[in-house]
């Protein structure tokens, strides 16, 4: 019963109000900020495919404009290398394995 009643609030509570924050903020339209958002989301989700899909869906729903989304996707690709480097740091105890892991990450 709770799920059925909560579904009614989704159209009025989410997407478009979040889109207004993206559209009206001058900071979020800055390319450097877009790249940093892409990096942060990708590092947190550990998947550039997921963050890119979310960005594409936001553009499709007209929550984010195309130009800032391009920089967010660029940040997602950079975030993948950050995630790989963090994983390679897990091999830092063994020097030989660390070199191989770091070389594979970069």
N, C-alpha and C. Protein backbone atom coordinates (compact mmCIF):
# COMPACT_ATOMS: atom_id res chain seq x y z
N UNK A 1 0.82 -1.18 0.00
CA UNK A 1 0.00 0.00 0.00
C UNK A 1 0.87 1.26 0.00
N UNK A 2 1.96 1.23 0.79
CA UNK A 2 2.86 2.38 0.85
C UNK A 2 3.46 2.67 -0.52
N UNK A 3 3.87 1.61 -1.24
CA UNK A 3 4.48 1.80 -2.56
C UNK A 3 3.51 2.47 -3.52
N UNK A 4 2.27 2.02 -3.52
CA UNK A 4 1.27 2.57 -4.45
C UNK A 4 1.02 4.05 -4.14
N UNK A 5 0.96 4.40 -2.88
CA UNK A 5 0.72 5.81 -2.55
C UNK A 5 1.96 6.66 -2.79
N UNK A 6 3.15 6.10 -2.64
CA UNK A 6 4.36 6.89 -2.86
C UNK A 6 4.64 7.11 -4.33
N UNK A 7 4.18 6.23 -5.20
CA UNK A 7 4.40 6.39 -6.64
C UNK A 7 3.68 7.64 -7.14
N UNK A 8 2.59 8.02 -6.49
CA UNK A 8 1.85 9.20 -6.91
C UNK A 8 2.66 10.48 -6.72
N UNK A 9 3.62 10.48 -5.80
CA UNK A 9 4.39 11.69 -5.52
C UNK A 9 5.62 11.83 -6.40
N UNK A 10 5.99 10.81 -7.14
CA UNK A 10 7.21 10.85 -7.94
C UNK A 10 7.19 11.95 -8.98
N UNK A 11 6.14 12.10 -9.79
CA UNK A 11 6.19 13.15 -10.81
C UNK A 11 6.28 14.55 -10.25
N UNK A 12 5.76 14.77 -9.04
CA UNK A 12 5.76 16.12 -8.49
C UNK A 12 6.98 16.42 -7.65
N UNK A 13 7.74 15.42 -7.25
CA UNK A 13 8.82 15.67 -6.30
C UNK A 13 10.21 15.62 -6.90
N UNK A 14 10.41 14.98 -8.03
CA UNK A 14 11.76 14.70 -8.47
C UNK A 14 12.26 15.51 -9.62
N UNK A 15 12.38 14.87 -10.75
CA UNK A 15 13.10 15.29 -11.94
C UNK A 15 13.10 16.75 -12.31
N UNK A 16 11.96 17.34 -12.52
CA UNK A 16 11.94 18.70 -13.04
C UNK A 16 12.48 19.71 -12.03
N UNK A 17 12.24 19.50 -10.74
CA UNK A 17 12.79 20.43 -9.77
C UNK A 17 14.32 20.30 -9.71
N UNK A 18 14.81 19.08 -9.89
CA UNK A 18 16.27 18.90 -9.96
C UNK A 18 16.80 19.55 -11.22
N UNK A 19 16.04 19.50 -12.28
CA UNK A 19 16.45 20.14 -13.53
C UNK A 19 16.54 21.64 -13.41
N UNK A 20 15.67 22.22 -12.61
CA UNK A 20 15.73 23.66 -12.40
C UNK A 20 17.00 24.06 -11.69
N UNK A 21 17.48 23.22 -10.79
CA UNK A 21 18.75 23.49 -10.10
C UNK A 21 19.88 23.47 -11.10
N UNK A 22 19.89 22.48 -12.01
CA UNK A 22 20.94 22.40 -13.02
C UNK A 22 20.86 23.57 -13.99
N UNK A 23 19.68 23.95 -14.39
CA UNK A 23 19.52 24.99 -15.40
C UNK A 23 19.84 26.38 -14.87
N UNK A 24 19.49 26.65 -13.61
CA UNK A 24 19.67 28.00 -13.08
C UNK A 24 21.04 28.24 -12.46
N UNK A 25 21.78 27.20 -12.20
CA UNK A 25 23.07 27.37 -11.54
C UNK A 25 24.16 27.68 -12.57
N UNK A 26 24.83 28.81 -12.38
CA UNK A 26 25.93 29.17 -13.27
C UNK A 26 27.14 28.29 -13.00
N UNK A 27 27.29 27.84 -11.76
CA UNK A 27 28.42 26.99 -11.41
C UNK A 27 28.35 25.65 -12.14
N UNK A 28 27.16 25.08 -12.24
CA UNK A 28 27.03 23.78 -12.90
C UNK A 28 27.18 23.87 -14.41
N UNK A 29 27.08 25.06 -14.97
CA UNK A 29 27.30 25.23 -16.41
C UNK A 29 28.77 25.47 -16.75
N UNK A 30 29.62 25.51 -15.74
CA UNK A 30 31.06 25.66 -15.95
C UNK A 30 31.63 24.32 -16.41
N UNK A 31 32.43 24.28 -17.49
CA UNK A 31 32.97 23.01 -17.98
C UNK A 31 33.81 22.26 -16.95
N UNK A 32 34.60 22.97 -16.15
CA UNK A 32 35.44 22.32 -15.15
C UNK A 32 34.56 21.64 -14.10
N UNK A 33 33.49 22.31 -13.70
CA UNK A 33 32.57 21.71 -12.74
C UNK A 33 31.91 20.47 -13.32
N UNK A 34 31.56 20.51 -14.60
CA UNK A 34 30.97 19.35 -15.24
C UNK A 34 31.91 18.16 -15.24
N UNK A 35 33.19 18.41 -15.52
CA UNK A 35 34.18 17.33 -15.50
C UNK A 35 34.32 16.77 -14.08
N UNK A 36 34.36 17.66 -13.08
CA UNK A 36 34.50 17.21 -11.70
C UNK A 36 33.27 16.40 -11.26
N UNK A 37 32.08 16.80 -11.69
CA UNK A 37 30.88 16.03 -11.36
C UNK A 37 30.97 14.65 -11.99
N UNK A 38 31.41 14.58 -13.24
CA UNK A 38 31.56 13.29 -13.91
C UNK A 38 32.57 12.39 -13.21
N UNK A 39 33.69 12.97 -12.79
CA UNK A 39 34.71 12.18 -12.08
C UNK A 39 34.15 11.68 -10.76
N UNK A 40 33.50 12.56 -10.00
CA UNK A 40 32.99 12.19 -8.68
C UNK A 40 31.93 11.10 -8.77
N UNK A 41 31.01 11.25 -9.69
CA UNK A 41 29.94 10.25 -9.82
C UNK A 41 30.52 8.91 -10.25
N UNK A 42 31.47 8.94 -11.17
CA UNK A 42 32.07 7.68 -11.64
C UNK A 42 32.87 7.00 -10.55
N UNK A 43 33.61 7.77 -9.77
CA UNK A 43 34.39 7.17 -8.68
C UNK A 43 33.44 6.59 -7.62
N UNK A 44 32.36 7.29 -7.33
CA UNK A 44 31.42 6.78 -6.33
C UNK A 44 30.67 5.53 -6.82
N UNK A 45 30.26 5.54 -8.09
CA UNK A 45 29.53 4.39 -8.64
C UNK A 45 30.46 3.30 -9.15
N UNK A 46 31.72 3.65 -9.41
CA UNK A 46 32.73 2.76 -9.97
C UNK A 46 32.30 2.18 -11.31
N UNK A 47 31.60 2.98 -12.09
CA UNK A 47 31.15 2.54 -13.40
C UNK A 47 30.91 3.76 -14.27
N UNK A 48 31.74 3.92 -15.30
CA UNK A 48 31.53 5.04 -16.21
C UNK A 48 30.31 4.80 -17.09
N UNK A 49 29.98 3.55 -17.34
CA UNK A 49 28.78 3.25 -18.14
C UNK A 49 27.52 3.70 -17.41
N UNK A 50 27.47 3.48 -16.11
CA UNK A 50 26.31 3.89 -15.34
C UNK A 50 26.19 5.41 -15.29
N UNK A 51 27.29 6.09 -15.02
CA UNK A 51 27.22 7.55 -14.94
C UNK A 51 26.94 8.17 -16.30
N UNK A 52 27.46 7.58 -17.37
CA UNK A 52 27.15 8.07 -18.71
C UNK A 52 25.68 7.84 -19.04
N UNK A 53 25.15 6.68 -18.67
CA UNK A 53 23.74 6.39 -18.93
C UNK A 53 22.83 7.35 -18.16
N UNK A 54 23.20 7.66 -16.93
CA UNK A 54 22.41 8.60 -16.14
C UNK A 54 22.45 9.98 -16.79
N UNK A 55 23.61 10.39 -17.26
CA UNK A 55 23.75 11.70 -17.90
C UNK A 55 22.93 11.76 -19.18
N UNK A 56 22.98 10.70 -19.99
CA UNK A 56 22.20 10.67 -21.23
C UNK A 56 20.71 10.72 -20.93
N UNK A 57 20.28 10.01 -19.90
CA UNK A 57 18.87 10.04 -19.50
C UNK A 57 18.45 11.43 -19.03
N UNK A 58 19.36 12.12 -18.32
CA UNK A 58 19.05 13.47 -17.87
C UNK A 58 18.94 14.44 -19.03
N UNK A 59 19.77 14.26 -20.05
CA UNK A 59 19.67 15.11 -21.25
C UNK A 59 18.37 14.79 -21.99
N UNK A 60 18.04 13.53 -22.09
CA UNK A 60 16.81 13.12 -22.77
C UNK A 60 15.57 13.67 -22.07
N UNK A 61 15.60 13.72 -20.76
CA UNK A 61 14.47 14.25 -19.99
C UNK A 61 14.51 15.76 -19.87
N UNK A 62 15.47 16.38 -20.52
CA UNK A 62 15.67 17.83 -20.51
C UNK A 62 15.90 18.37 -19.11
N UNK A 63 16.57 17.57 -18.27
CA UNK A 63 16.96 18.03 -16.94
C UNK A 63 18.28 18.78 -17.04
N UNK A 64 19.17 18.31 -17.92
CA UNK A 64 20.47 18.93 -18.15
C UNK A 64 20.57 19.24 -19.64
N UNK A 65 21.19 20.37 -19.95
CA UNK A 65 21.41 20.70 -21.36
C UNK A 65 22.57 19.88 -21.91
N UNK A 66 22.70 19.87 -23.23
CA UNK A 66 23.69 19.03 -23.89
C UNK A 66 25.13 19.45 -23.57
N UNK A 67 25.42 20.74 -23.60
CA UNK A 67 26.80 21.20 -23.42
C UNK A 67 27.39 20.80 -22.05
N UNK A 68 26.70 21.04 -20.93
CA UNK A 68 27.28 20.58 -19.66
C UNK A 68 27.37 19.05 -19.58
N UNK A 69 26.45 18.37 -20.25
CA UNK A 69 26.47 16.90 -20.23
C UNK A 69 27.70 16.34 -20.93
N UNK A 70 28.17 17.02 -21.95
CA UNK A 70 29.38 16.57 -22.66
C UNK A 70 30.57 16.56 -21.69
N UNK A 71 30.68 17.59 -20.89
CA UNK A 71 31.79 17.66 -19.93
C UNK A 71 31.62 16.65 -18.81
N UNK A 72 30.37 16.35 -18.43
CA UNK A 72 30.14 15.33 -17.42
C UNK A 72 30.57 13.95 -17.93
N UNK A 73 30.30 13.69 -19.21
CA UNK A 73 30.72 12.40 -19.79
C UNK A 73 32.24 12.34 -19.92
N UNK A 74 32.86 13.46 -20.25
CA UNK A 74 34.33 13.48 -20.26
C UNK A 74 34.87 13.18 -18.87
N UNK A 75 34.25 13.74 -17.84
CA UNK A 75 34.65 13.47 -16.47
C UNK A 75 34.43 12.01 -16.09
N UNK A 76 33.38 11.41 -16.63
CA UNK A 76 33.13 9.99 -16.37
C UNK A 76 34.26 9.13 -16.92
N UNK A 77 34.75 9.49 -18.09
CA UNK A 77 35.86 8.74 -18.68
C UNK A 77 37.15 8.93 -17.88
N UNK A 78 37.37 10.12 -17.38
CA UNK A 78 38.53 10.36 -16.53
C UNK A 78 38.37 9.63 -15.20
N UNK A 79 37.14 9.60 -14.68
CA UNK A 79 36.87 8.92 -13.42
C UNK A 79 37.17 7.44 -13.48
N UNK A 80 37.06 6.84 -14.66
CA UNK A 80 37.39 5.43 -14.82
C UNK A 80 38.87 5.20 -14.54
N UNK A 81 39.73 6.08 -15.00
CA UNK A 81 41.16 5.91 -14.74
C UNK A 81 41.47 6.12 -13.26
N UNK A 82 40.72 7.02 -12.61
CA UNK A 82 40.92 7.22 -11.17
C UNK A 82 40.54 5.94 -10.42
N UNK A 83 39.42 5.34 -10.80
CA UNK A 83 38.99 4.10 -10.15
C UNK A 83 40.01 3.00 -10.38
N UNK A 84 40.55 2.88 -11.58
CA UNK A 84 41.57 1.87 -11.86
C UNK A 84 42.82 2.09 -11.04
N UNK A 85 43.21 3.33 -10.86
CA UNK A 85 44.40 3.63 -10.07
C UNK A 85 44.17 3.27 -8.60
N UNK A 86 42.98 3.54 -8.09
CA UNK A 86 42.67 3.16 -6.71
C UNK A 86 42.75 1.66 -6.53
N UNK A 87 42.24 0.91 -7.50
CA UNK A 87 42.30 -0.55 -7.43
C UNK A 87 43.75 -1.02 -7.47
N UNK A 88 44.58 -0.40 -8.30
CA UNK A 88 45.97 -0.82 -8.38
C UNK A 88 46.73 -0.53 -7.08
N UNK A 89 46.30 0.47 -6.33
CA UNK A 89 46.94 0.77 -5.05
C UNK A 89 46.73 -0.35 -4.04
N UNK A 90 45.72 -1.17 -4.27
CA UNK A 90 45.51 -2.32 -3.41
C UNK A 90 46.62 -3.35 -3.52
N UNK A 91 47.40 -3.29 -4.59
CA UNK A 91 48.51 -4.21 -4.80
C UNK A 91 49.84 -3.61 -4.35
N UNK A 92 49.80 -2.54 -3.58
CA UNK A 92 51.03 -1.82 -3.26
C UNK A 92 51.96 -2.55 -2.29
N UNK A 93 51.52 -3.61 -1.67
CA UNK A 93 52.38 -4.34 -0.73
C UNK A 93 53.48 -5.12 -1.45
N UNK A 94 53.17 -5.60 -2.63
CA UNK A 94 54.15 -6.35 -3.41
C UNK A 94 54.61 -5.46 -4.56
N UNK A 95 55.89 -5.09 -4.57
CA UNK A 95 56.41 -4.14 -5.55
C UNK A 95 56.21 -4.60 -6.99
N UNK A 96 56.47 -5.87 -7.26
CA UNK A 96 56.35 -6.38 -8.62
C UNK A 96 54.88 -6.38 -9.08
N UNK A 97 54.00 -6.81 -8.20
CA UNK A 97 52.58 -6.82 -8.53
C UNK A 97 52.03 -5.41 -8.68
N UNK A 98 52.54 -4.47 -7.85
CA UNK A 98 52.08 -3.09 -7.95
C UNK A 98 52.46 -2.49 -9.30
N UNK A 99 53.66 -2.73 -9.77
CA UNK A 99 54.08 -2.21 -11.07
C UNK A 99 53.19 -2.73 -12.18
N UNK A 100 52.87 -4.02 -12.12
CA UNK A 100 52.01 -4.61 -13.14
C UNK A 100 50.60 -4.05 -13.05
N UNK A 101 50.08 -3.92 -11.84
CA UNK A 101 48.71 -3.42 -11.66
C UNK A 101 48.62 -1.95 -12.08
N UNK A 102 49.62 -1.15 -11.71
CA UNK A 102 49.60 0.27 -12.06
C UNK A 102 49.75 0.46 -13.57
N UNK A 103 50.59 -0.36 -14.19
CA UNK A 103 50.75 -0.28 -15.64
C UNK A 103 49.44 -0.64 -16.34
N UNK A 104 48.72 -1.60 -15.80
CA UNK A 104 47.44 -1.98 -16.38
C UNK A 104 46.38 -0.93 -16.17
N UNK A 105 46.50 -0.16 -15.10
CA UNK A 105 45.48 0.86 -14.77
C UNK A 105 45.67 2.13 -15.57
N UNK A 106 46.88 2.40 -16.02
CA UNK A 106 47.11 3.67 -16.71
C UNK A 106 47.30 3.53 -18.19
